[in-house]
């Protein structure tokens, strides 16, 4: 856990000092997206290679769908509240 906090703090400091360099920020965005897609792919490989998960997929799928829908609805609502209080233009 300490390692994660140290890495995040170091990343925050580096990001702070590089914030005025748009070329680096654009490259960083592309790298982040590549990393996210790579992690999603590897998670799919791990799920597909697990016979227990594949056998129970119908039940797990319905539970996952419910959890995903509730998570999406909650995120959209929370985002709307945050936008309303912090980011909307005041007339």
N, C-alpha and C. Protein backbone atom coordinates (compact mmCIF):
# COMPACT_ATOMS: atom_id res chain seq x y z
N UNK A 1 0.83 -1.19 0.00
CA UNK A 1 0.00 0.00 0.00
C UNK A 1 0.87 1.25 0.00
N UNK A 2 1.93 1.23 0.76
CA UNK A 2 2.83 2.38 0.80
C UNK A 2 3.44 2.61 -0.58
N UNK A 3 3.76 1.54 -1.27
CA UNK A 3 4.33 1.66 -2.62
C UNK A 3 3.36 2.37 -3.55
N UNK A 4 2.09 2.01 -3.48
CA UNK A 4 1.08 2.65 -4.33
C UNK A 4 1.00 4.15 -4.03
N UNK A 5 0.98 4.50 -2.76
CA UNK A 5 0.90 5.91 -2.37
C UNK A 5 2.14 6.69 -2.82
N UNK A 6 3.31 6.09 -2.69
CA UNK A 6 4.54 6.76 -3.12
C UNK A 6 4.53 6.97 -4.63
N UNK A 7 4.11 5.96 -5.38
CA UNK A 7 4.07 6.08 -6.84
C UNK A 7 3.05 7.15 -7.26
N UNK A 8 1.89 7.16 -6.62
CA UNK A 8 0.88 8.17 -6.97
C UNK A 8 1.36 9.58 -6.62
N UNK A 9 2.01 9.73 -5.49
CA UNK A 9 2.54 11.03 -5.09
C UNK A 9 3.62 11.49 -6.07
N UNK A 10 4.50 10.58 -6.46
CA UNK A 10 5.55 10.92 -7.43
C UNK A 10 4.91 11.32 -8.76
N UNK A 11 3.90 10.58 -9.20
CA UNK A 11 3.22 10.91 -10.44
C UNK A 11 2.52 12.26 -10.38
N UNK A 12 1.94 12.57 -9.24
CA UNK A 12 1.28 13.86 -9.06
C UNK A 12 2.30 14.99 -9.14
N UNK A 13 3.44 14.82 -8.52
CA UNK A 13 4.48 15.85 -8.57
C UNK A 13 5.02 16.04 -9.99
N UNK A 14 5.26 14.95 -10.69
CA UNK A 14 5.74 15.04 -12.07
C UNK A 14 4.69 15.73 -12.93
N UNK A 15 3.42 15.34 -12.76
CA UNK A 15 2.34 15.97 -13.51
C UNK A 15 2.23 17.45 -13.23
N UNK A 16 2.45 17.83 -11.98
CA UNK A 16 2.39 19.25 -11.62
C UNK A 16 3.45 20.05 -12.38
N UNK A 17 4.64 19.51 -12.46
CA UNK A 17 5.72 20.24 -13.13
C UNK A 17 5.62 20.18 -14.65
N UNK A 18 4.88 19.22 -15.19
CA UNK A 18 4.74 19.10 -16.64
C UNK A 18 3.41 19.64 -17.15
N UNK A 19 2.64 20.27 -16.31
CA UNK A 19 1.28 20.68 -16.68
C UNK A 19 1.22 21.71 -17.80
N UNK A 20 2.27 22.46 -18.04
CA UNK A 20 2.27 23.48 -19.09
C UNK A 20 2.91 23.00 -20.38
N UNK A 21 3.02 21.71 -20.55
CA UNK A 21 3.60 21.13 -21.77
C UNK A 21 2.56 20.27 -22.47
N UNK A 22 1.79 20.86 -23.39
CA UNK A 22 0.67 20.13 -24.00
C UNK A 22 1.09 18.90 -24.80
N UNK A 23 2.28 18.92 -25.40
CA UNK A 23 2.71 17.76 -26.19
C UNK A 23 2.89 16.53 -25.29
N UNK A 24 3.48 16.73 -24.14
CA UNK A 24 3.69 15.62 -23.20
C UNK A 24 2.34 15.12 -22.66
N UNK A 25 1.43 16.05 -22.40
CA UNK A 25 0.12 15.68 -21.86
C UNK A 25 -0.66 14.85 -22.89
N UNK A 26 -0.60 15.24 -24.17
CA UNK A 26 -1.30 14.47 -25.21
C UNK A 26 -0.71 13.07 -25.35
N UNK A 27 0.60 12.96 -25.28
CA UNK A 27 1.24 11.65 -25.34
C UNK A 27 0.84 10.81 -24.13
N UNK A 28 0.79 11.44 -22.98
CA UNK A 28 0.41 10.75 -21.76
C UNK A 28 -1.02 10.22 -21.85
N UNK A 29 -1.92 11.00 -22.43
CA UNK A 29 -3.30 10.55 -22.60
C UNK A 29 -3.37 9.29 -23.46
N UNK A 30 -2.60 9.27 -24.54
CA UNK A 30 -2.59 8.10 -25.42
C UNK A 30 -2.02 6.87 -24.70
N UNK A 31 -0.98 7.07 -23.91
CA UNK A 31 -0.40 5.96 -23.16
C UNK A 31 -1.37 5.42 -22.12
N UNK A 32 -2.10 6.31 -21.48
CA UNK A 32 -3.08 5.89 -20.48
C UNK A 32 -4.17 5.05 -21.14
N UNK A 33 -4.68 5.50 -22.29
CA UNK A 33 -5.72 4.74 -22.99
C UNK A 33 -5.19 3.37 -23.42
N UNK A 34 -3.96 3.31 -23.90
CA UNK A 34 -3.37 2.03 -24.29
C UNK A 34 -3.26 1.10 -23.08
N UNK A 35 -2.87 1.65 -21.94
CA UNK A 35 -2.74 0.84 -20.73
C UNK A 35 -4.11 0.33 -20.27
N UNK A 36 -5.13 1.18 -20.33
CA UNK A 36 -6.48 0.77 -19.92
C UNK A 36 -6.99 -0.34 -20.83
N UNK A 37 -6.82 -0.17 -22.15
CA UNK A 37 -7.26 -1.22 -23.08
C UNK A 37 -6.49 -2.52 -22.85
N UNK A 38 -5.20 -2.42 -22.58
CA UNK A 38 -4.40 -3.60 -22.29
C UNK A 38 -4.88 -4.31 -21.04
N UNK A 39 -5.18 -3.55 -19.99
CA UNK A 39 -5.68 -4.15 -18.75
C UNK A 39 -7.05 -4.81 -18.96
N UNK A 40 -7.92 -4.16 -19.73
CA UNK A 40 -9.23 -4.77 -20.01
C UNK A 40 -9.07 -6.08 -20.79
N UNK A 41 -8.16 -6.09 -21.75
CA UNK A 41 -7.91 -7.31 -22.52
C UNK A 41 -7.41 -8.42 -21.61
N UNK A 42 -6.44 -8.11 -20.75
CA UNK A 42 -5.89 -9.13 -19.84
C UNK A 42 -6.93 -9.61 -18.84
N UNK A 43 -7.83 -8.73 -18.41
CA UNK A 43 -8.90 -9.17 -17.52
C UNK A 43 -9.82 -10.13 -18.27
N UNK A 44 -10.10 -9.85 -19.53
CA UNK A 44 -10.90 -10.75 -20.35
C UNK A 44 -10.25 -12.10 -20.51
N UNK A 45 -8.94 -12.11 -20.71
CA UNK A 45 -8.20 -13.38 -20.83
C UNK A 45 -8.30 -14.16 -19.52
N UNK A 46 -8.14 -13.47 -18.40
CA UNK A 46 -8.22 -14.15 -17.10
C UNK A 46 -9.61 -14.73 -16.86
N UNK A 47 -10.65 -13.98 -17.23
CA UNK A 47 -12.02 -14.48 -17.05
C UNK A 47 -12.28 -15.66 -17.99
N UNK A 48 -11.86 -15.53 -19.25
CA UNK A 48 -12.11 -16.59 -20.24
C UNK A 48 -11.37 -17.88 -19.94
N UNK A 49 -10.25 -17.79 -19.24
CA UNK A 49 -9.48 -18.99 -18.95
C UNK A 49 -9.87 -19.65 -17.62
N UNK A 50 -10.80 -19.06 -16.91
CA UNK A 50 -11.24 -19.61 -15.62
C UNK A 50 -12.50 -20.44 -15.84
N UNK A 51 -12.40 -21.77 -15.75
CA UNK A 51 -13.56 -22.63 -16.03
C UNK A 51 -14.72 -22.42 -15.06
N UNK A 52 -14.45 -22.07 -13.83
CA UNK A 52 -15.51 -21.84 -12.85
C UNK A 52 -16.37 -20.65 -13.26
N UNK A 53 -15.72 -19.59 -13.67
CA UNK A 53 -16.47 -18.39 -14.08
C UNK A 53 -17.27 -18.69 -15.33
N UNK A 54 -16.67 -19.37 -16.29
CA UNK A 54 -17.37 -19.69 -17.53
C UNK A 54 -18.60 -20.57 -17.26
N UNK A 55 -18.47 -21.53 -16.33
CA UNK A 55 -19.57 -22.43 -16.00
C UNK A 55 -20.73 -21.66 -15.34
N UNK A 56 -20.41 -20.65 -14.52
CA UNK A 56 -21.44 -19.91 -13.80
C UNK A 56 -21.78 -18.58 -14.47
N UNK A 57 -21.42 -18.44 -15.74
CA UNK A 57 -21.60 -17.17 -16.45
C UNK A 57 -23.05 -16.68 -16.49
N UNK A 58 -24.05 -17.56 -16.70
CA UNK A 58 -25.43 -17.03 -16.73
C UNK A 58 -25.84 -16.32 -15.43
N UNK A 59 -25.51 -16.91 -14.30
CA UNK A 59 -25.86 -16.29 -13.01
C UNK A 59 -24.99 -15.07 -12.77
N UNK A 60 -23.69 -15.21 -12.97
CA UNK A 60 -22.78 -14.09 -12.76
C UNK A 60 -23.08 -12.95 -13.72
N UNK A 61 -23.48 -13.30 -14.93
CA UNK A 61 -23.78 -12.27 -15.92
C UNK A 61 -24.92 -11.38 -15.49
N UNK A 62 -25.98 -11.97 -14.95
CA UNK A 62 -27.13 -11.18 -14.50
C UNK A 62 -26.73 -10.30 -13.31
N UNK A 63 -25.98 -10.85 -12.38
CA UNK A 63 -25.52 -10.06 -11.24
C UNK A 63 -24.62 -8.92 -11.73
N UNK A 64 -23.73 -9.22 -12.66
CA UNK A 64 -22.83 -8.19 -13.19
C UNK A 64 -23.62 -7.11 -13.91
N UNK A 65 -24.66 -7.49 -14.65
CA UNK A 65 -25.48 -6.52 -15.35
C UNK A 65 -26.16 -5.57 -14.37
N UNK A 66 -26.74 -6.13 -13.31
CA UNK A 66 -27.41 -5.30 -12.31
C UNK A 66 -26.41 -4.37 -11.64
N UNK A 67 -25.25 -4.89 -11.26
CA UNK A 67 -24.23 -4.06 -10.62
C UNK A 67 -23.75 -2.96 -11.57
N UNK A 68 -23.56 -3.30 -12.83
CA UNK A 68 -23.09 -2.33 -13.81
C UNK A 68 -24.12 -1.22 -14.01
N UNK A 69 -25.39 -1.60 -14.16
CA UNK A 69 -26.43 -0.59 -14.38
C UNK A 69 -26.55 0.33 -13.16
N UNK A 70 -26.55 -0.24 -11.98
CA UNK A 70 -26.64 0.58 -10.76
C UNK A 70 -25.40 1.49 -10.65
N UNK A 71 -24.24 0.98 -10.98
CA UNK A 71 -23.03 1.79 -10.94
C UNK A 71 -23.06 2.93 -11.94
N UNK A 72 -23.55 2.65 -13.14
CA UNK A 72 -23.64 3.69 -14.17
C UNK A 72 -24.64 4.77 -13.76
N UNK A 73 -25.81 4.35 -13.30
CA UNK A 73 -26.82 5.32 -12.89
C UNK A 73 -26.30 6.17 -11.73
N UNK A 74 -25.66 5.54 -10.76
CA UNK A 74 -25.10 6.29 -9.63
C UNK A 74 -24.01 7.26 -10.07
N UNK A 75 -23.17 6.85 -10.99
CA UNK A 75 -22.11 7.73 -11.48
C UNK A 75 -22.67 8.92 -12.24
N UNK A 76 -23.68 8.67 -13.07
CA UNK A 76 -24.30 9.77 -13.83
C UNK A 76 -24.97 10.76 -12.87
N UNK A 77 -25.68 10.25 -11.89
CA UNK A 77 -26.32 11.14 -10.92
C UNK A 77 -25.29 11.93 -10.12
N UNK A 78 -24.25 11.26 -9.66
CA UNK A 78 -23.21 11.96 -8.90
C UNK A 78 -22.51 13.00 -9.78
N UNK A 79 -22.24 12.65 -11.04
CA UNK A 79 -21.63 13.60 -11.96
C UNK A 79 -22.51 14.81 -12.19
N UNK A 80 -23.82 14.59 -12.31
CA UNK A 80 -24.75 15.70 -12.47
C UNK A 80 -24.76 16.63 -11.27
N UNK A 81 -24.74 16.05 -10.08
CA UNK A 81 -24.71 16.86 -8.85
C UNK A 81 -23.42 17.67 -8.78
N UNK A 82 -22.29 17.03 -9.05
CA UNK A 82 -21.01 17.74 -9.02
C UNK A 82 -20.99 18.86 -10.06
N UNK A 83 -21.46 18.56 -11.28
CA UNK A 83 -21.50 19.59 -12.33
C UNK A 83 -22.37 20.76 -11.90
N UNK A 84 -23.55 20.45 -11.34
CA UNK A 84 -24.48 21.50 -10.94
C UNK A 84 -23.86 22.43 -9.90
N UNK A 85 -23.19 21.88 -8.92
CA UNK A 85 -22.66 22.71 -7.84
C UNK A 85 -21.30 23.32 -8.12
N UNK A 86 -20.50 22.73 -9.02
CA UNK A 86 -19.14 23.23 -9.17
C UNK A 86 -18.80 23.75 -10.55
N UNK A 87 -19.47 23.30 -11.62
CA UNK A 87 -19.00 23.63 -12.97
C UNK A 87 -20.00 24.38 -13.84
N UNK A 88 -21.23 24.53 -13.44
CA UNK A 88 -22.17 25.22 -14.31
C UNK A 88 -21.87 26.71 -14.29
N UNK A 89 -22.21 27.35 -15.40
CA UNK A 89 -21.98 28.79 -15.51
C UNK A 89 -23.06 29.52 -14.75
N UNK A 90 -22.62 30.43 -13.92
CA UNK A 90 -23.57 31.20 -13.13
C UNK A 90 -23.93 32.46 -13.89
N UNK A 91 -25.23 32.71 -14.05
CA UNK A 91 -25.65 33.89 -14.82
C UNK A 91 -25.84 35.11 -13.96
